[in-house]
Protein backbone atom coordinates (compact mmCIF):
# COMPACT_ATOMS: atom_id res chain seq x y z
CA MET A 1 0.18 -0.24 -0.21
CA GLN A 2 1.39 3.55 -1.05
CA MET A 3 1.47 6.42 1.41
CA THR A 4 3.03 9.78 1.30
CA PHE A 5 4.70 11.51 4.20
CA THR A 6 5.96 14.71 4.84
CA LEU A 7 9.55 14.80 5.81
CA ALA A 8 11.60 17.96 6.47
CA GLY A 9 9.31 19.79 3.87
CA THR A 10 9.62 17.33 1.40
CA GLU A 11 7.27 14.64 0.38
CA ILE A 12 8.45 10.91 0.50
CA SER A 13 6.36 7.92 -0.47
CA PHE A 14 6.54 4.12 0.78
CA ASP A 15 5.12 0.89 -0.11
CA ILE A 16 3.68 -0.44 3.38
CA ALA A 17 4.04 -4.31 3.53
CA HIS A 18 3.53 -4.90 6.92
CA CYS A 19 2.17 -3.36 9.68
CA THR A 20 2.63 -4.68 13.34
CA VAL A 21 0.62 -3.19 16.70
CA ALA A 22 2.52 -3.31 19.81
CA GLY A 23 0.55 -4.41 23.03
CA TRP A 24 1.35 -4.20 26.35
CA THR A 25 4.56 -2.30 26.27
CA GLY A 26 4.56 -0.26 29.42
CA ARG A 27 7.37 -0.06 31.46
CA ASP A 28 5.97 -0.65 34.69
CA ALA A 29 5.30 -4.36 35.14
CA ALA A 30 3.71 -4.17 38.14
CA ALA A 31 0.94 -1.74 36.38
CA ILE A 32 0.48 -3.88 33.54
CA GLN A 33 -0.33 -7.04 35.66
CA HIS A 34 -3.06 -4.51 37.58
CA HIS A 35 -4.25 -3.49 34.23
CA ILE A 36 -4.10 -7.58 32.86
CA ASP A 37 -6.20 -8.58 36.12
CA GLU A 38 -8.41 -5.57 35.56
CA LEU A 39 -9.00 -6.78 31.85
CA ALA A 40 -9.58 -10.58 33.41
CA GLU A 41 -12.44 -9.54 35.28
CA ILE A 42 -14.46 -8.49 32.30
CA GLY A 43 -13.48 -11.36 30.32
CA VAL A 44 -10.26 -10.58 28.85
CA LYS A 45 -8.05 -13.21 28.25
CA PRO A 46 -4.36 -12.20 29.35
CA PRO A 47 -1.79 -12.10 27.50
CA SER A 48 0.88 -15.18 26.71
CA SER A 49 3.25 -12.71 26.64
CA VAL A 50 4.64 -9.43 27.59
CA PRO A 51 4.94 -7.00 25.31
CA LEU A 52 3.06 -8.99 22.49
CA TYR A 53 3.17 -8.29 18.40
CA TYR A 54 0.17 -8.21 16.70
CA ARG A 55 -0.20 -8.61 12.79
CA THR A 56 -2.66 -6.31 11.26
CA ALA A 57 -3.55 -5.59 7.51
CA SER A 58 -1.11 -2.79 6.15
CA GLY A 59 -4.24 -1.50 4.23
CA MET A 60 -5.81 -0.53 7.85
CA VAL A 61 -3.36 2.67 8.06
CA THR A 62 -5.00 5.40 7.09
CA GLN A 63 -4.35 9.33 6.75
CA GLN A 64 -7.84 10.16 6.42
CA ASP A 65 -9.49 12.97 8.80
CA ALA A 66 -12.49 10.80 9.52
CA ILE A 67 -12.81 6.91 10.12
CA GLU A 68 -15.54 4.80 10.06
CA VAL A 69 -16.89 2.36 12.59
CA VAL A 70 -19.69 -0.52 13.68
CA GLY A 71 -21.12 0.48 17.10
CA LYS A 72 -20.43 2.90 19.94
CA GLY A 73 -17.86 0.56 21.69
CA THR A 74 -14.44 1.97 19.95
CA SER A 75 -12.12 4.57 20.89
CA GLY A 76 -8.97 5.69 19.95
CA GLU A 77 -5.29 5.77 22.01
CA ILE A 78 -1.95 8.01 21.26
CA GLU A 79 1.12 5.54 20.24
CA PRO A 80 4.51 6.43 18.33
CA PHE A 81 4.60 5.13 14.97
CA LEU A 82 7.78 3.66 13.62
CA ILE A 83 8.07 3.51 9.50
CA ALA A 84 11.24 1.12 8.36
CA ASN A 85 11.89 1.37 4.91
CA ASP A 86 15.51 -0.10 3.37
CA GLY A 87 17.30 0.14 6.68
CA VAL A 88 15.87 4.03 7.77
CA LEU A 89 13.85 4.06 10.54
CA TYR A 90 11.06 6.90 10.72
CA LEU A 91 9.20 7.95 13.78
CA GLY A 92 5.52 9.59 13.58
CA LEU A 93 2.30 9.63 15.28
CA ALA A 94 -0.75 7.31 15.17
CA SER A 95 -3.82 6.43 17.03
CA ASP A 96 -4.15 2.62 18.15
CA HIS A 97 -8.28 2.79 17.27
CA THR A 98 -10.21 -0.37 18.82
CA ASP A 99 -13.03 -1.79 19.25
CA ARG A 100 -13.34 -2.67 23.45
CA GLU A 101 -16.27 -4.84 23.12
CA LEU A 102 -14.38 -7.14 20.62
CA GLU A 103 -11.66 -7.00 22.43
CA ALA A 104 -13.55 -8.87 25.56
CA HIS A 105 -13.74 -11.66 22.92
CA SER A 106 -10.58 -11.32 21.03
CA VAL A 107 -7.78 -8.38 21.22
CA ALA A 108 -6.16 -9.58 17.98
CA LEU A 109 -9.62 -9.15 16.53
CA SER A 110 -10.54 -5.90 18.06
CA LYS A 111 -7.19 -4.74 16.92
CA GLN A 112 -8.04 -5.64 13.09
CA ILE A 113 -11.36 -4.53 12.78
CA CYS A 114 -10.79 -0.89 13.08
CA GLU A 115 -8.30 1.43 10.66
CA LYS A 116 -5.33 3.08 12.27
CA PRO A 117 -5.14 7.05 11.77
CA VAL A 118 -1.61 8.44 11.49
CA ALA A 119 -0.23 11.99 11.00
CA SER A 120 1.04 12.88 7.74
CA GLU A 121 4.24 14.43 9.00
CA ILE A 122 7.30 11.66 10.08
CA TRP A 123 10.94 12.90 11.73
CA ARG A 124 13.99 11.24 10.88
CA PHE A 125 14.78 8.16 14.11
CA ASP A 126 18.15 9.11 13.88
CA GLU A 127 17.37 12.61 14.84
CA VAL A 128 15.39 11.90 17.72
CA LYS A 129 16.93 9.14 19.38
CA ASP A 130 19.37 10.88 21.70
CA HIS A 131 16.22 12.63 23.44
CA ILE A 132 13.45 9.78 22.68
CA GLU A 133 12.14 9.55 26.28
CA GLN A 134 11.73 13.44 26.20
CA ILE A 135 9.38 13.34 23.51
CA GLU A 136 5.91 14.40 24.91
CA MET A 137 2.63 12.57 24.02
CA ARG A 138 -0.64 14.24 24.38
CA SER A 139 -4.58 13.14 23.27
CA TRP A 140 -7.60 14.94 23.69
CA VAL A 141 -11.29 14.06 22.64
CA GLN A 142 -14.76 15.42 21.94
CA GLU A 143 -16.98 13.04 23.62
CA LYS A 144 -20.02 14.77 21.73
CA ASP A 145 -20.28 17.15 18.87
CA GLY A 146 -20.12 21.20 20.25
CA ASP A 147 -17.92 19.80 23.07
CA ASP A 148 -14.89 21.27 24.39
CA TRP A 149 -11.60 19.40 23.45
CA VAL A 150 -11.06 17.39 26.92
CA LEU A 151 -7.13 16.27 27.54
CA TYR A 152 -7.39 12.23 28.02
CA GLN A 153 -3.68 11.00 27.43
CA GLU A 154 -0.64 12.43 28.58
CA GLY A 155 2.84 11.60 28.99
CA THR A 156 6.35 10.92 27.70
CA ILE A 157 7.54 8.12 25.35
CA ALA A 158 9.64 7.30 28.69
CA SER A 159 6.33 5.42 30.15
CA ILE A 160 7.11 3.13 27.06
CA ARG A 161 9.26 0.20 27.04
CA PRO A 162 12.63 1.33 24.68
CA LEU A 163 11.61 1.45 21.14
CA THR A 164 14.57 0.22 20.38
CA ASP A 165 13.41 -3.27 22.60
CA LEU A 166 10.25 -3.05 20.75
CA ILE A 167 12.27 -3.04 17.40
CA ASP A 168 14.39 -5.83 18.44
CA GLY A 169 11.47 -7.75 19.49
CA SER A 170 9.01 -7.20 16.67
CA GLY A 171 11.43 -7.70 13.96
CA LEU A 172 10.52 -4.46 12.21
CA MET A 173 13.89 -3.67 10.73
CA THR A 174 14.15 -7.14 9.08
CA THR A 175 10.31 -7.50 7.64
CA SER A 176 11.42 -4.01 5.65
CA GLY A 177 12.87 -5.52 2.35
CA THR A 178 14.05 -3.48 -0.59
CA GLY A 179 11.48 -1.00 -1.81
CA LYS A 180 8.77 -2.42 1.10
CA ALA A 181 8.50 -0.50 4.51
CA SER A 182 7.19 -2.22 7.68
CA VAL A 183 5.31 -0.02 9.99
CA MET A 184 4.49 -0.46 13.73
CA LEU A 185 2.63 0.95 16.49
CA CYS A 186 4.31 1.05 19.74
CA GLY A 187 1.97 1.21 22.69
CA THR A 188 0.12 4.14 24.47
CA LEU A 189 -0.42 5.83 27.96
CA GLY A 190 -3.04 5.44 30.58
CA ALA A 191 -6.80 7.47 29.35
CA LYS A 192 -7.58 9.98 31.99
CA GLY A 193 -11.58 9.29 33.34
CA GLY A 194 -10.84 5.77 31.77
CA VAL A 195 -11.30 4.58 28.51
CA ARG A 196 -14.37 5.62 26.51
CA PRO A 197 -15.52 6.76 23.08
CA ALA A 198 -15.67 9.73 21.26
CA ARG A 199 -17.02 11.83 18.29
CA ARG A 200 -13.78 13.28 17.80
CA PHE A 201 -9.98 12.57 18.29
CA LYS A 202 -6.83 14.21 18.48
CA MET A 203 -2.99 13.55 19.31
CA ALA A 204 0.38 15.60 19.40
CA LEU A 205 3.87 13.98 19.53
CA HIS A 206 5.96 17.11 20.65
CA ASP A 207 9.70 17.18 20.61
CA PRO A 208 11.15 19.68 23.75
CA VAL A 209 14.51 19.70 22.41
CA LEU A 210 14.08 20.34 18.55
CA ASP A 211 10.86 22.38 19.25
CA ARG A 212 8.46 21.15 17.29
CA THR A 213 5.52 18.81 16.86
CA ILE A 214 3.43 16.46 14.87
CA GLU A 215 -0.34 16.55 15.18
CA HIS A 216 -3.56 14.96 13.38
CA ALA A 217 -7.18 15.09 14.43
CA TYR A 218 -9.95 12.30 13.05
CA ASP A 219 -13.69 11.85 13.18
CA ILE A 220 -15.17 9.02 14.48
CA LYS A 221 -18.62 8.03 12.13
CA GLU A 222 -20.66 5.41 13.78
CA LEU A 223 -22.14 3.05 11.40
CA PRO A 224 -25.53 1.24 12.73
CA GLU A 225 -25.31 -2.37 14.06
CA VAL A 226 -27.53 -4.71 12.51
CA ALA A 227 -28.49 -7.93 13.98
């Protein structure tokens, strides 16, 4: 699947062949176990290992400003987004939009069923790797039309396992063959007020060292759930 991004003011295109969503990537082991226990109480099976790497269709990645979902049980979450192509690594911004109701049946299926919105701008990973854990992540939601934006998630990449560890564990660099790119969503932050659906989702990745920001927002259009 061909996608075009902006890199330092210049357009760069990739033929994306592989997409991975990394889950259970928090750095605090006790917090991860607490979350596993919470989910188990509502019927979500515990992960077979931590972290896990879920494969999804590359065509699920989108730069559109709206996605369509079935029903009211989905929500977005901000994540670092990596692109590997011919030995070069890039950092961007994505939302792992997920069907929470389906998640109780199968996490893998819940990852596959919703499109993954990504921002159109990327940075070279080499430019940020020395201060990668200082990079700030924030998301906001509009729960209903006309509502003000509410801060939903806030933290830094330091809350996530080292991205270099996730790259090694996923085989991201080895799956990016000549002329083909691989991408990975790398995990998220806790939600203020709890995980919940919204009408719109907005996210930002801010580099305080180089003073630059990647942003993206999208609408969530609910399709009727017909039985």
